[in-house]
Amino acid sequence: MDCAEDDCERPATVELHIPWTDNRLVCAAHARVLGRQDGVVADPITDRGDELLEDG
């Protein structure tokens, strides 16, 4: 799954829990920036399974 941010094709590696809107799956770079907002909790996605092998 790709990052939810516009024009980003990196794989989503983090789920952001955002109190004022829906949760978002984003890449590590976007999680680093967006996760600094008050109330946002960043959880790494650990159950990607075989998808890691498919990405190379």
Protein backbone atom coordinates (compact mmCIF):
# COMPACT_ATOMS: atom_id res chain seq x y z
CA MET A 1 0.00 0.00 0.00
CA ASP A 2 1.30 3.43 -0.93
CA CYS A 3 1.50 6.47 1.33
CA ALA A 4 -1.81 8.36 1.67
CA GLU A 5 -0.16 11.72 0.99
CA ASP A 6 -0.70 13.25 -2.45
CA ASP A 7 2.07 12.62 -5.00
CA CYS A 8 3.91 10.16 -2.73
CA GLU A 9 4.52 6.64 -4.01
CA ARG A 10 6.57 5.38 -1.07
CA PRO A 11 5.20 2.37 0.81
CA ALA A 12 3.09 3.10 3.88
CA THR A 13 4.98 2.01 7.00
CA VAL A 14 3.21 3.99 9.72
CA GLU A 15 -0.41 4.41 10.77
CA LEU A 16 -1.18 7.87 12.11
CA HIS A 17 -4.00 8.06 14.64
CA ILE A 18 -5.39 11.59 14.22
CA PRO A 19 -8.09 12.65 16.69
CA TRP A 20 -9.78 15.21 14.42
CA THR A 21 -9.97 13.06 11.25
CA ASP A 22 -9.62 9.51 9.95
CA ASN A 23 -6.45 7.51 10.56
CA ARG A 24 -3.91 7.62 7.72
CA LEU A 25 -1.33 5.17 6.45
CA VAL A 26 1.80 7.07 5.47
CA CYS A 27 5.48 6.53 4.68
CA ALA A 28 8.15 7.10 7.32
CA ALA A 29 9.09 10.52 5.94
CA HIS A 30 5.54 11.88 6.15
CA ALA A 31 5.02 10.25 9.56
CA ARG A 32 8.05 12.11 10.87
CA VAL A 33 6.53 15.46 9.90
CA LEU A 34 2.82 14.81 10.54
CA GLY A 35 3.47 12.95 13.79
CA ARG A 36 4.75 16.14 15.43
CA GLN A 37 1.28 17.63 15.66
CA ASP A 38 -0.33 17.62 19.11
CA GLY A 39 -2.55 14.61 19.67
CA VAL A 40 -1.26 12.56 16.72
CA VAL A 41 0.02 9.07 17.56
CA ALA A 42 2.26 7.24 15.09
CA ASP A 43 2.19 3.42 15.14
CA PRO A 44 4.60 1.45 12.96
CA ILE A 45 2.91 -1.10 10.73
CA THR A 46 4.44 -4.42 11.71
CA ASP A 47 2.12 -6.95 10.06
CA ARG A 48 3.04 -6.38 6.41
CA GLY A 49 3.94 -10.06 5.98
CA ASP A 50 5.06 -11.13 2.51
CA GLU A 51 4.50 -7.66 1.08
CA LEU A 52 8.06 -6.79 2.15
CA LEU A 53 9.40 -9.53 -0.10
CA GLU A 54 7.35 -8.29 -3.05
CA ASP A 55 8.75 -4.75 -2.71
CA GLY A 56 12.26 -6.08 -3.19
